[in-house]
């Protein structure tokens, strides 16, 4: 993570399109290891300022590194601080287990995420 302890924001603000108003869905990969965190950070940075809800489809997650969970925590914190919604759709057992183990379920709102 950078010294600011925050997800990197996109360099320029984009005009709000009709698609952006409906929200943005990102399908998370099966492997969210330490080597995948830089790419994940770029993906999340691109939707950080999305005006509508961002849905992270976590159904395929089979392995997740602590660094990826920390990144999700920062992403959720930053979006919610700006009044923007984040939802984890269909969190896999691996995602639920890792978040519970690290005490991140509440921050990520996985306890009330639809299964």
PDB file of N, CA and C in Angstrom:
ATOM      1  N   UNK A   1       0.840  -1.176   0.000  1.00  0.00           N
ATOM      2  CA  UNK A   1       0.000   0.000   0.000  1.00  0.00           C
ATOM      3  C   UNK A   1       0.882   1.236   0.000  1.00  0.00           C
ATOM      4  N   UNK A   2       0.351   2.299  -0.507  1.00  0.00           N
ATOM      5  CA  UNK A   2       1.097   3.541  -0.492  1.00  0.00           C
ATOM      6  C   UNK A   2       1.035   4.171   0.885  1.00  0.00           C
ATOM      7  N   UNK A   3       1.840   5.168   1.096  1.00  0.00           N
ATOM      8  CA  UNK A   3       1.902   5.836   2.381  1.00  0.00           C
ATOM      9  C   UNK A   3       0.573   6.452   2.781  1.00  0.00           C
ATOM     10  N   UNK A   4      -0.259   6.824   1.817  1.00  0.00           N
ATOM     11  CA  UNK A   4      -1.540   7.437   2.146  1.00  0.00           C
ATOM     12  C   UNK A   4      -2.513   6.414   2.685  1.00  0.00           C
ATOM     13  N   UNK A   5      -2.193   5.112   2.524  1.00  0.00           N
ATOM     14  CA  UNK A   5      -3.051   4.043   3.008  1.00  0.00           C
ATOM     15  C   UNK A   5      -4.435   4.131   2.380  1.00  0.00           C
ATOM     16  N   UNK A   6      -4.473   4.517   1.126  1.00  0.00           N
ATOM     17  CA  UNK A   6      -5.740   4.659   0.425  1.00  0.00           C
ATOM     18  C   UNK A   6      -5.598   4.132  -0.996  1.00  0.00           C
ATOM     19  N   UNK A   7      -6.709   3.742  -1.569  1.00  0.00           N
ATOM     20  CA  UNK A   7      -6.707   3.286  -2.951  1.00  0.00           C
ATOM     21  C   UNK A   7      -6.357   4.465  -3.842  1.00  0.00           C
ATOM     22  N   UNK A   8      -5.519   4.242  -4.835  1.00  0.00           N
ATOM     23  CA  UNK A   8      -5.128   5.307  -5.751  1.00  0.00           C
ATOM     24  C   UNK A   8      -6.333   5.741  -6.566  1.00  0.00           C
ATOM     25  N   UNK A   9      -6.559   7.015  -6.610  1.00  0.00           N
ATOM     26  CA  UNK A   9      -7.694   7.556  -7.355  1.00  0.00           C
ATOM     27  C   UNK A   9      -7.313   7.711  -8.829  1.00  0.00           C
ATOM     28  N   UNK A  10      -8.285   7.610  -9.742  1.00  0.00           N
ATOM     29  CA  UNK A  10      -7.988   7.825 -11.154  1.00  0.00           C
ATOM     30  C   UNK A  10      -7.421   9.232 -11.370  1.00  0.00           C
ATOM     31  N   UNK A  11      -6.576   9.369 -12.375  1.00  0.00           N
ATOM     32  CA  UNK A  11      -5.910  10.641 -12.623  1.00  0.00           C
ATOM     33  C   UNK A  11      -6.889  11.746 -13.000  1.00  0.00           C
ATOM     34  N   UNK A  12      -7.884  11.448 -13.785  1.00  0.00           N
ATOM     35  CA  UNK A  12      -8.832  12.469 -14.234  1.00  0.00           C
ATOM     36  C   UNK A  12     -10.258  11.983 -14.003  1.00  0.00           C
ATOM     37  N   UNK A  13     -11.118  12.907 -13.637  1.00  0.00           N
ATOM     38  CA  UNK A  13     -12.529  12.557 -13.471  1.00  0.00           C
ATOM     39  C   UNK A  13     -13.177  12.429 -14.835  1.00  0.00           C
ATOM     40  N   UNK A  14     -13.984  11.392 -14.957  1.00  0.00           N
ATOM     41  CA  UNK A  14     -14.704  11.179 -16.204  1.00  0.00           C
ATOM     42  C   UNK A  14     -16.117  11.706 -16.053  1.00  0.00           C
ATOM     43  N   UNK A  15     -16.718  12.196 -17.148  1.00  0.00           N
ATOM     44  CA  UNK A  15     -18.111  12.623 -17.056  1.00  0.00           C
ATOM     45  C   UNK A  15     -18.999  11.429 -16.717  1.00  0.00           C
ATOM     46  N   UNK A  16     -20.081  11.685 -16.016  1.00  0.00           N
ATOM     47  CA  UNK A  16     -20.989  10.620 -15.612  1.00  0.00           C
ATOM     48  C   UNK A  16     -21.831  10.193 -16.807  1.00  0.00           C
ATOM     49  N   UNK A  17     -21.690   8.929 -17.197  1.00  0.00           N
ATOM     50  CA  UNK A  17     -22.448   8.389 -18.315  1.00  0.00           C
ATOM     51  C   UNK A  17     -23.675   7.657 -17.788  1.00  0.00           C
ATOM     52  N   UNK A  18     -24.566   7.273 -18.684  1.00  0.00           N
ATOM     53  CA  UNK A  18     -25.750   6.501 -18.293  1.00  0.00           C
ATOM     54  C   UNK A  18     -25.315   5.179 -17.681  1.00  0.00           C
ATOM     55  N   UNK A  19     -24.268   4.562 -18.225  1.00  0.00           N
ATOM     56  CA  UNK A  19     -23.752   3.306 -17.687  1.00  0.00           C
ATOM     57  C   UNK A  19     -23.251   3.484 -16.263  1.00  0.00           C
ATOM     58  N   UNK A  20     -22.558   4.599 -16.019  1.00  0.00           N
ATOM     59  CA  UNK A  20     -22.029   4.859 -14.685  1.00  0.00           C
ATOM     60  C   UNK A  20     -23.154   5.083 -13.681  1.00  0.00           C
ATOM     61  N   UNK A  21     -24.244   5.650 -14.116  1.00  0.00           N
ATOM     62  CA  UNK A  21     -25.359   5.882 -13.211  1.00  0.00           C
ATOM     63  C   UNK A  21     -25.989   4.575 -12.766  1.00  0.00           C
ATOM     64  N   UNK A  22     -25.939   3.533 -13.603  1.00  0.00           N
ATOM     65  CA  UNK A  22     -26.493   2.230 -13.244  1.00  0.00           C
ATOM     66  C   UNK A  22     -25.560   1.469 -12.316  1.00  0.00           C
ATOM     67  N   UNK A  23     -24.303   1.816 -12.320  1.00  0.00           N
ATOM     68  CA  UNK A  23     -23.336   1.132 -11.469  1.00  0.00           C
ATOM     69  C   UNK A  23     -22.354   0.327 -12.280  1.00  0.00           C
ATOM     70  N   UNK A  24     -21.466  -0.295 -11.579  1.00  0.00           N
ATOM     71  CA  UNK A  24     -20.377  -1.031 -12.212  1.00  0.00           C
ATOM     72  C   UNK A  24     -20.200  -2.347 -11.489  1.00  0.00           C
ATOM     73  N   UNK A  25     -20.113  -3.425 -12.239  1.00  0.00           N
ATOM     74  CA  UNK A  25     -19.873  -4.748 -11.655  1.00  0.00           C
ATOM     75  C   UNK A  25     -18.488  -5.221 -12.054  1.00  0.00           C
ATOM     76  N   UNK A  26     -17.749  -5.727 -11.085  1.00  0.00           N
ATOM     77  CA  UNK A  26     -16.441  -6.313 -11.331  1.00  0.00           C
ATOM     78  C   UNK A  26     -16.480  -7.759 -10.874  1.00  0.00           C
ATOM     79  N   UNK A  27     -16.066  -8.671 -11.742  1.00  0.00           N
ATOM     80  CA  UNK A  27     -15.984 -10.085 -11.377  1.00  0.00           C
ATOM     81  C   UNK A  27     -14.568 -10.330 -10.872  1.00  0.00           C
ATOM     82  N   UNK A  28     -14.467 -10.785  -9.644  1.00  0.00           N
ATOM     83  CA  UNK A  28     -13.158 -11.047  -9.049  1.00  0.00           C
ATOM     84  C   UNK A  28     -12.661 -12.415  -9.484  1.00  0.00           C
ATOM     85  N   UNK A  29     -11.372 -12.523  -9.688  1.00  0.00           N
ATOM     86  CA  UNK A  29     -10.764 -13.776 -10.112  1.00  0.00           C
ATOM     87  C   UNK A  29     -10.717 -14.810  -8.999  1.00  0.00           C
ATOM     88  N   UNK A  30     -10.411 -16.025  -9.374  1.00  0.00           N
ATOM     89  CA  UNK A  30     -10.335 -17.123  -8.413  1.00  0.00           C
ATOM     90  C   UNK A  30      -9.120 -16.983  -7.500  1.00  0.00           C
ATOM     91  N   UNK A  31      -8.046 -16.450  -8.035  1.00  0.00           N
ATOM     92  CA  UNK A  31      -6.797 -16.303  -7.283  1.00  0.00           C
ATOM     93  C   UNK A  31      -6.545 -14.825  -7.005  1.00  0.00           C
ATOM     94  N   UNK A  32      -6.585 -14.440  -5.754  1.00  0.00           N
ATOM     95  CA  UNK A  32      -6.272 -13.073  -5.357  1.00  0.00           C
ATOM     96  C   UNK A  32      -5.058 -13.110  -4.432  1.00  0.00           C
ATOM     97  N   UNK A  33      -3.963 -13.608  -4.982  1.00  0.00           N
ATOM     98  CA  UNK A  33      -2.722 -13.727  -4.239  1.00  0.00           C
ATOM     99  C   UNK A  33      -1.970 -12.421  -4.201  1.00  0.00           C
ATOM    100  N   UNK A  34      -0.846 -12.435  -3.536  1.00  0.00           N
ATOM    101  CA  UNK A  34      -0.026 -11.230  -3.393  1.00  0.00           C
ATOM    102  C   UNK A  34       0.419 -10.697  -4.755  1.00  0.00           C
ATOM    103  N   UNK A  35       0.646 -11.586  -5.716  1.00  0.00           N
ATOM    104  CA  UNK A  35       1.074 -11.163  -7.050  1.00  0.00           C
ATOM    105  C   UNK A  35      -0.053 -10.496  -7.830  1.00  0.00           C
ATOM    106  N   UNK A  36      -1.282 -10.661  -7.392  1.00  0.00           N
ATOM    107  CA  UNK A  36      -2.441 -10.111  -8.101  1.00  0.00           C
ATOM    108  C   UNK A  36      -2.908  -8.778  -7.529  1.00  0.00           C
ATOM    109  N   UNK A  37      -2.345  -8.361  -6.415  1.00  0.00           N
ATOM    110  CA  UNK A  37      -2.837  -7.175  -5.720  1.00  0.00           C
ATOM    111  C   UNK A  37      -2.621  -5.895  -6.523  1.00  0.00           C
ATOM    112  N   UNK A  38      -1.514  -5.750  -7.217  1.00  0.00           N
ATOM    113  CA  UNK A  38      -1.262  -4.531  -7.995  1.00  0.00           C
ATOM    114  C   UNK A  38      -2.321  -4.363  -9.086  1.00  0.00           C
ATOM    115  N   UNK A  39      -2.654  -5.440  -9.785  1.00  0.00           N
ATOM    116  CA  UNK A  39      -3.693  -5.372 -10.810  1.00  0.00           C
ATOM    117  C   UNK A  39      -5.062  -5.092 -10.207  1.00  0.00           C
ATOM    118  N   UNK A  40      -5.343  -5.709  -9.081  1.00  0.00           N
ATOM    119  CA  UNK A  40      -6.607  -5.482  -8.390  1.00  0.00           C
ATOM    120  C   UNK A  40      -6.718  -4.026  -7.943  1.00  0.00           C
ATOM    121  N   UNK A  41      -5.613  -3.476  -7.468  1.00  0.00           N
ATOM    122  CA  UNK A  41      -5.603  -2.078  -7.042  1.00  0.00           C
ATOM    123  C   UNK A  41      -5.917  -1.147  -8.211  1.00  0.00           C
ATOM    124  N   UNK A  42      -5.364  -1.451  -9.385  1.00  0.00           N
ATOM    125  CA  UNK A  42      -5.662  -0.646 -10.573  1.00  0.00           C
ATOM    126  C   UNK A  42      -7.150  -0.735 -10.925  1.00  0.00           C
ATOM    127  N   UNK A  43      -7.694  -1.950 -10.893  1.00  0.00           N
ATOM    128  CA  UNK A  43      -9.119  -2.136 -11.204  1.00  0.00           C
ATOM    129  C   UNK A  43     -10.003  -1.357 -10.237  1.00  0.00           C
ATOM    130  N   UNK A  44      -9.719  -1.468  -8.963  1.00  0.00           N
ATOM    131  CA  UNK A  44     -10.533  -0.774  -7.967  1.00  0.00           C
ATOM    132  C   UNK A  44     -10.368   0.731  -8.079  1.00  0.00           C
ATOM    133  N   UNK A  45      -9.165   1.183  -8.390  1.00  0.00           N
ATOM    134  CA  UNK A  45      -8.929   2.616  -8.576  1.00  0.00           C
ATOM    135  C   UNK A  45      -9.754   3.198  -9.704  1.00  0.00           C
ATOM    136  N   UNK A  46     -10.017   2.395 -10.726  1.00  0.00           N
ATOM    137  CA  UNK A  46     -10.813   2.861 -11.864  1.00  0.00           C
ATOM    138  C   UNK A  46     -12.288   3.058 -11.523  1.00  0.00           C
ATOM    139  N   UNK A  47     -12.762   2.393 -10.488  1.00  0.00           N
ATOM    140  CA  UNK A  47     -14.180   2.520 -10.119  1.00  0.00           C
ATOM    141  C   UNK A  47     -14.371   3.191  -8.757  1.00  0.00           C
ATOM    142  N   UNK A  48     -13.306   3.685  -8.168  1.00  0.00           N
ATOM    143  CA  UNK A  48     -13.391   4.290  -6.846  1.00  0.00           C
ATOM    144  C   UNK A  48     -14.409   5.429  -6.807  1.00  0.00           C
ATOM    145  N   UNK A  49     -14.413   6.256  -7.824  1.00  0.00           N
ATOM    146  CA  UNK A  49     -15.298   7.417  -7.842  1.00  0.00           C
ATOM    147  C   UNK A  49     -16.562   7.184  -8.663  1.00  0.00           C
ATOM    148  N   UNK A  50     -16.839   5.958  -9.006  1.00  0.00           N
ATOM    149  CA  UNK A  50     -18.066   5.606  -9.718  1.00  0.00           C
ATOM    150  C   UNK A  50     -19.251   6.126  -8.897  1.00  0.00           C
ATOM    151  N   UNK A  51     -20.143   6.916  -9.483  1.00  0.00           N
ATOM    152  CA  UNK A  51     -21.225   7.513  -8.693  1.00  0.00           C
ATOM    153  C   UNK A  51     -22.261   6.507  -8.187  1.00  0.00           C
ATOM    154  N   UNK A  52     -22.483   5.447  -8.918  1.00  0.00           N
ATOM    155  CA  UNK A  52     -23.468   4.449  -8.502  1.00  0.00           C
ATOM    156  C   UNK A  52     -22.773   3.295  -7.781  1.00  0.00           C
ATOM    157  N   UNK A  53     -23.556   2.396  -7.276  1.00  0.00           N
ATOM    158  CA  UNK A  53     -23.050   1.237  -6.539  1.00  0.00           C
ATOM    159  C   UNK A  53     -22.032   0.456  -7.360  1.00  0.00           C
ATOM    160  N   UNK A  54     -20.978   0.013  -6.700  1.00  0.00           N
ATOM    161  CA  UNK A  54     -20.005  -0.896  -7.299  1.00  0.00           C
ATOM    162  C   UNK A  54     -20.272  -2.272  -6.701  1.00  0.00           C
ATOM    163  N   UNK A  55     -20.496  -3.252  -7.574  1.00  0.00           N
ATOM    164  CA  UNK A  55     -20.761  -4.614  -7.140  1.00  0.00           C
ATOM    165  C   UNK A  55     -19.539  -5.465  -7.459  1.00  0.00           C
ATOM    166  N   UNK A  56     -18.982  -6.078  -6.432  1.00  0.00           N
ATOM    167  CA  UNK A  56     -17.832  -6.955  -6.594  1.00  0.00           C
ATOM    168  C   UNK A  56     -18.329  -8.393  -6.498  1.00  0.00           C
ATOM    169  N   UNK A  57     -18.314  -9.093  -7.617  1.00  0.00           N
ATOM    170  CA  UNK A  57     -18.790 -10.475  -7.664  1.00  0.00           C
ATOM    171  C   UNK A  57     -17.665 -11.381  -7.181  1.00  0.00           C
ATOM    172  N   UNK A  58     -17.838 -11.939  -5.990  1.00  0.00           N
ATOM    173  CA  UNK A  58     -16.783 -12.722  -5.340  1.00  0.00           C
ATOM    174  C   UNK A  58     -17.066 -14.217  -5.358  1.00  0.00           C
ATOM    175  N   UNK A  59     -17.934 -14.657  -6.249  1.00  0.00           N
ATOM    176  CA  UNK A  59     -18.333 -16.069  -6.283  1.00  0.00           C
ATOM    177  C   UNK A  59     -17.192 -17.004  -6.646  1.00  0.00           C
ATOM    178  N   UNK A  60     -16.251 -16.548  -7.457  1.00  0.00           N
ATOM    179  CA  UNK A  60     -15.178 -17.414  -7.950  1.00  0.00           C
ATOM    180  C   UNK A  60     -13.918 -17.396  -7.087  1.00  0.00           C
ATOM    181  N   UNK A  61     -13.884 -16.556  -6.073  1.00  0.00           N
ATOM    182  CA  UNK A  61     -12.683 -16.438  -5.245  1.00  0.00           C
ATOM    183  C   UNK A  61     -12.425 -17.756  -4.509  1.00  0.00           C
ATOM    184  N   UNK A  62     -11.268 -18.338  -4.767  1.00  0.00           N
ATOM    185  CA  UNK A  62     -10.879 -19.600  -4.126  1.00  0.00           C
ATOM    186  C   UNK A  62      -9.713 -19.413  -3.161  1.00  0.00           C
ATOM    187  N   UNK A  63      -8.889 -18.386  -3.444  1.00  0.00           N
ATOM    188  CA  UNK A  63      -7.721 -18.095  -2.598  1.00  0.00           C
ATOM    189  C   UNK A  63      -7.569 -16.589  -2.535  1.00  0.00           C
ATOM    190  N   UNK A  64      -7.412 -16.076  -1.318  1.00  0.00           N
ATOM    191  CA  UNK A  64      -7.279 -14.626  -1.165  1.00  0.00           C
ATOM    192  C   UNK A  64      -6.201 -14.321  -0.124  1.00  0.00           C
ATOM    193  N   UNK A  65      -5.286 -13.480  -0.498  1.00  0.00           N
ATOM    194  CA  UNK A  65      -4.183 -13.074   0.367  1.00  0.00           C
ATOM    195  C   UNK A  65      -4.650 -11.929   1.269  1.00  0.00           C
ATOM    196  N   UNK A  66      -4.037 -11.820   2.412  1.00  0.00           N
ATOM    197  CA  UNK A  66      -4.354 -10.747   3.355  1.00  0.00           C
ATOM    198  C   UNK A  66      -4.257  -9.374   2.696  1.00  0.00           C
ATOM    199  N   UNK A  67      -3.278  -9.180   1.821  1.00  0.00           N
ATOM    200  CA  UNK A  67      -3.110  -7.887   1.155  1.00  0.00           C
ATOM    201  C   UNK A  67      -4.324  -7.536   0.302  1.00  0.00           C
ATOM    202  N   UNK A  68      -4.939  -8.525  -0.333  1.00  0.00           N
ATOM    203  CA  UNK A  68      -6.139  -8.273  -1.130  1.00  0.00           C
ATOM    204  C   UNK A  68      -7.303  -7.883  -0.221  1.00  0.00           C
ATOM    205  N   UNK A  69      -7.444  -8.545   0.905  1.00  0.00           N
ATOM    206  CA  UNK A  69      -8.503  -8.184   1.861  1.00  0.00           C
ATOM    207  C   UNK A  69      -8.291  -6.775   2.395  1.00  0.00           C
ATOM    208  N   UNK A  70      -7.043  -6.419   2.682  1.00  0.00           N
ATOM    209  CA  UNK A  70      -6.749  -5.067   3.154  1.00  0.00           C
ATOM    210  C   UNK A  70      -7.121  -4.043   2.092  1.00  0.00           C
ATOM    211  N   UNK A  71      -6.845  -4.358   0.852  1.00  0.00           N
ATOM    212  CA  UNK A  71      -7.191  -3.468  -0.251  1.00  0.00           C
ATOM    213  C   UNK A  71      -8.705  -3.288  -0.347  1.00  0.00           C
ATOM    214  N   UNK A  72      -9.452  -4.375  -0.213  1.00  0.00           N
ATOM    215  CA  UNK A  72     -10.910  -4.279  -0.221  1.00  0.00           C
ATOM    216  C   UNK A  72     -11.412  -3.409   0.935  1.00  0.00           C
ATOM    217  N   UNK A  73     -10.793  -3.552   2.097  1.00  0.00           N
ATOM    218  CA  UNK A  73     -11.184  -2.739   3.255  1.00  0.00           C
ATOM    219  C   UNK A  73     -10.974  -1.251   2.982  1.00  0.00           C
ATOM    220  N   UNK A  74      -9.827  -0.908   2.411  1.00  0.00           N
ATOM    221  CA  UNK A  74      -9.544   0.496   2.088  1.00  0.00           C
ATOM    222  C   UNK A  74     -10.491   1.017   1.014  1.00  0.00           C
ATOM    223  N   UNK A  75     -10.756   0.198   0.017  1.00  0.00           N
ATOM    224  CA  UNK A  75     -11.666   0.580  -1.063  1.00  0.00           C
ATOM    225  C   UNK A  75     -13.064   0.867  -0.495  1.00  0.00           C
ATOM    226  N   UNK A  76     -13.558  -0.039   0.328  1.00  0.00           N
ATOM    227  CA  UNK A  76     -14.887   0.143   0.929  1.00  0.00           C
ATOM    228  C   UNK A  76     -14.912   1.382   1.819  1.00  0.00           C
ATOM    229  N   UNK A  77     -13.876   1.557   2.617  1.00  0.00           N
ATOM    230  CA  UNK A  77     -13.798   2.723   3.502  1.00  0.00           C
ATOM    231  C   UNK A  77     -13.836   4.020   2.700  1.00  0.00           C
ATOM    232  N   UNK A  78     -13.014   4.096   1.654  1.00  0.00           N
ATOM    233  CA  UNK A  78     -12.924   5.312   0.855  1.00  0.00           C
ATOM    234  C   UNK A  78     -14.238   5.611   0.131  1.00  0.00           C
ATOM    235  N   UNK A  79     -14.859   4.578  -0.435  1.00  0.00           N
ATOM    236  CA  UNK A  79     -16.133   4.793  -1.142  1.00  0.00           C
ATOM    237  C   UNK A  79     -17.227   5.214  -0.178  1.00  0.00           C
ATOM    238  N   UNK A  80     -17.330   4.532   0.924  1.00  0.00           N
ATOM    239  CA  UNK A  80     -18.405   4.837   1.880  1.00  0.00           C
ATOM    240  C   UNK A  80     -18.210   6.206   2.523  1.00  0.00           C
ATOM    241  N   UNK A  81     -16.976   6.629   2.696  1.00  0.00           N
ATOM    242  CA  UNK A  81     -16.713   7.967   3.234  1.00  0.00           C
ATOM    243  C   UNK A  81     -17.260   9.050   2.314  1.00  0.00           C
ATOM    244  N   UNK A  82     -17.355   8.735   1.026  1.00  0.00           N
ATOM    245  CA  UNK A  82     -17.894   9.665   0.034  1.00  0.00           C
ATOM    246  C   UNK A  82     -19.375   9.414  -0.243  1.00  0.00           C
ATOM    247  N   UNK A  83     -19.985   8.533   0.550  1.00  0.00           N
ATOM    248  CA  UNK A  83     -21.412   8.249   0.374  1.00  0.00           C
ATOM    249  C   UNK A  83     -21.719   7.358  -0.811  1.00  0.00           C
ATOM    250  N   UNK A  84     -20.730   6.581  -1.247  1.00  0.00           N
ATOM    251  CA  UNK A  84     -20.915   5.694  -2.401  1.00  0.00           C
ATOM    252  C   UNK A  84     -21.001   4.250  -1.929  1.00  0.00           C
ATOM    253  N   UNK A  85     -21.877   3.492  -2.565  1.00  0.00           N
ATOM    254  CA  UNK A  85     -22.135   2.116  -2.145  1.00  0.00           C
ATOM    255  C   UNK A  85     -21.179   1.104  -2.757  1.00  0.00           C
ATOM    256  N   UNK A  86     -20.912   0.062  -1.986  1.00  0.00           N
ATOM    257  CA  UNK A  86     -20.129  -1.094  -2.429  1.00  0.00           C
ATOM    258  C   UNK A  86     -20.872  -2.329  -1.954  1.00  0.00           C
ATOM    259  N   UNK A  87     -20.941  -3.316  -2.817  1.00  0.00           N
ATOM    260  CA  UNK A  87     -21.602  -4.567  -2.450  1.00  0.00           C
ATOM    261  C   UNK A  87     -20.760  -5.739  -2.926  1.00  0.00           C
ATOM    262  N   UNK A  88     -20.610  -6.734  -2.076  1.00  0.00           N
ATOM    263  CA  UNK A  88     -19.977  -7.985  -2.469  1.00  0.00           C
ATOM    264  C   UNK A  88     -21.097  -8.954  -2.804  1.00  0.00           C
ATOM    265  N   UNK A  89     -21.183  -9.329  -4.061  1.00  0.00           N
ATOM    266  CA  UNK A  89     -22.215 -10.267  -4.499  1.00  0.00           C
ATOM    267  C   UNK A  89     -21.672 -11.686  -4.436  1.00  0.00           C
ATOM    268  N   UNK A  90     -22.450 -12.568  -3.918  1.00  0.00           N
ATOM    269  CA  UNK A  90     -22.142 -14.001  -3.892  1.00  0.00           C
ATOM    270  C   UNK A  90     -20.745 -14.311  -3.362  1.00  0.00           C
ATOM    271  N   UNK A  91     -20.393 -13.819  -2.167  1.00  0.00           N
ATOM    272  CA  UNK A  91     -19.046 -14.110  -1.660  1.00  0.00           C
ATOM    273  C   UNK A  91     -18.850 -15.615  -1.476  1.00  0.00           C
ATOM    274  N   UNK A  92     -17.741 -16.104  -1.973  1.00  0.00           N
ATOM    275  CA  UNK A  92     -17.427 -17.531  -1.894  1.00  0.00           C
ATOM    276  C   UNK A  92     -17.111 -17.920  -0.458  1.00  0.00           C
ATOM    277  N   UNK A  93     -17.144 -19.211  -0.153  1.00  0.00           N
ATOM    278  CA  UNK A  93     -16.746 -19.662   1.184  1.00  0.00           C
ATOM    279  C   UNK A  93     -15.324 -19.226   1.544  1.00  0.00           C
ATOM    280  N   UNK A  94     -14.413 -19.234   0.567  1.00  0.00           N
ATOM    281  CA  UNK A  94     -13.036 -18.809   0.836  1.00  0.00           C
ATOM    282  C   UNK A  94     -12.985 -17.326   1.221  1.00  0.00           C
ATOM    283  N   UNK A  95     -13.754 -16.512   0.535  1.00  0.00           N
ATOM    284  CA  UNK A  95     -13.806 -15.074   0.837  1.00  0.00           C
ATOM    285  C   UNK A  95     -14.401 -14.847   2.224  1.00  0.00           C
ATOM    286  N   UNK A  96     -15.500 -15.512   2.515  1.00  0.00           N
ATOM    287  CA  UNK A  96     -16.149 -15.372   3.819  1.00  0.00           C
ATOM    288  C   UNK A  96     -15.228 -15.828   4.951  1.00  0.00           C
ATOM    289  N   UNK A  97     -14.567 -16.954   4.742  1.00  0.00           N
ATOM    290  CA  UNK A  97     -13.679 -17.509   5.755  1.00  0.00           C
ATOM    291  C   UNK A  97     -12.506 -16.574   6.037  1.00  0.00           C
ATOM    292  N   UNK A  98     -11.870 -16.080   4.988  1.00  0.00           N
ATOM    293  CA  UNK A  98     -10.719 -15.190   5.155  1.00  0.00           C
ATOM    294  C   UNK A  98     -11.119 -13.888   5.832  1.00  0.00           C
ATOM    295  N   UNK A  99     -12.247 -13.317   5.424  1.00  0.00           N
ATOM    296  CA  UNK A  99     -12.710 -12.059   6.030  1.00  0.00           C
ATOM    297  C   UNK A  99     -13.051 -12.260   7.500  1.00  0.00           C
ATOM    298  N   UNK A 100     -13.664 -13.386   7.824  1.00  0.00           N
ATOM    299  CA  UNK A 100     -14.003 -13.682   9.215  1.00  0.00           C
ATOM    300  C   UNK A 100     -12.736 -13.862  10.047  1.00  0.00           C
ATOM    301  N   UNK A 101     -11.787 -14.607   9.525  1.00  0.00           N
ATOM    302  CA  UNK A 101     -10.534 -14.866  10.221  1.00  0.00           C
ATOM    303  C   UNK A 101      -9.792 -13.572  10.549  1.00  0.00           C
ATOM    304  N   UNK A 102      -9.843 -12.607   9.615  1.00  0.00           N
ATOM    305  CA  UNK A 102      -9.126 -11.347   9.811  1.00  0.00           C
ATOM    306  C   UNK A 102      -9.986 -10.260  10.456  1.00  0.00           C
ATOM    307  N   UNK A 103     -11.223 -10.578  10.783  1.00  0.00           N
ATOM    308  CA  UNK A 103     -12.105  -9.596  11.422  1.00  0.00           C
ATOM    309  C   UNK A 103     -12.561  -8.495  10.489  1.00  0.00           C
ATOM    310  N   UNK A 104     -12.657  -8.789   9.198  1.00  0.00           N
ATOM    311  CA  UNK A 104     -13.030  -7.777   8.207  1.00  0.00           C
ATOM    312  C   UNK A 104     -14.461  -7.917   7.697  1.00  0.00           C
ATOM    313  N   UNK A 105     -15.199  -8.893   8.186  1.00  0.00           N
ATOM    314  CA  UNK A 105     -16.560  -9.137   7.692  1.00  0.00           C
ATOM    315  C   UNK A 105     -17.479  -7.934   7.858  1.00  0.00           C
ATOM    316  N   UNK A 106     -17.381  -7.276   8.997  1.00  0.00           N
ATOM    317  CA  UNK A 106     -18.254  -6.132   9.253  1.00  0.00           C
ATOM    318  C   UNK A 106     -17.913  -4.968   8.334  1.00  0.00           C
ATOM    319  N   UNK A 107     -16.640  -4.634   8.228  1.00  0.00           N
ATOM    320  CA  UNK A 107     -16.236  -3.521   7.365  1.00  0.00           C
ATOM    321  C   UNK A 107     -16.616  -3.792   5.906  1.00  0.00           C
ATOM    322  N   UNK A 108     -16.432  -5.009   5.469  1.00  0.00           N
ATOM    323  CA  UNK A 108     -16.771  -5.359   4.086  1.00  0.00           C
ATOM    324  C   UNK A 108     -18.272  -5.622   3.912  1.00  0.00           C
ATOM    325  N   UNK A 109     -18.987  -5.663   5.010  1.00  0.00           N
ATOM    326  CA  UNK A 109     -20.423  -5.927   5.031  1.00  0.00           C
ATOM    327  C   UNK A 109     -20.743  -7.257   4.380  1.00  0.00           C
ATOM    328  N   UNK A 110     -19.932  -8.244   4.655  1.00  0.00           N
ATOM    329  CA  UNK A 110     -20.153  -9.589   4.097  1.00  0.00           C
ATOM    330  C   UNK A 110     -21.215 -10.352   4.866  1.00  0.00           C
ATOM    331  N   UNK A 111     -21.446  -9.994   6.109  1.00  0.00           N
ATOM    332  CA  UNK A 111     -22.443 -10.694   6.893  1.00  0.00           C
ATOM    333  C   UNK A 111     -23.842 -10.528   6.302  1.00  0.00           C
ATOM    334  N   UNK A 112     -24.080  -9.398   5.626  1.00  0.00           N
ATOM    335  CA  UNK A 112     -25.394  -9.185   5.050  1.00  0.00           C
ATOM    336  C   UNK A 112     -25.396  -9.236   3.524  1.00  0.00           C
ATOM    337  N   UNK A 113     -24.267  -9.669   2.954  1.00  0.00           N
ATOM    338  CA  UNK A 113     -24.190  -9.798   1.501  1.00  0.00           C
ATOM    339  C   UNK A 113     -25.043 -10.973   1.046  1.00  0.00           C
ATOM    340  N   UNK A 114     -25.739 -10.820  -0.085  1.00  0.00           N
ATOM    341  CA  UNK A 114     -26.532 -11.942  -0.588  1.00  0.00           C
ATOM    342  C   UNK A 114     -25.648 -13.112  -0.963  1.00  0.00           C
ATOM    343  N   UNK A 115     -26.087 -14.307  -0.643  1.00  0.00           N
ATOM    344  CA  UNK A 115     -25.290 -15.510  -0.936  1.00  0.00           C
ATOM    345  C   UNK A 115     -25.515 -15.968  -2.356  1.00  0.00           C
TER     346      UNK A 115
END
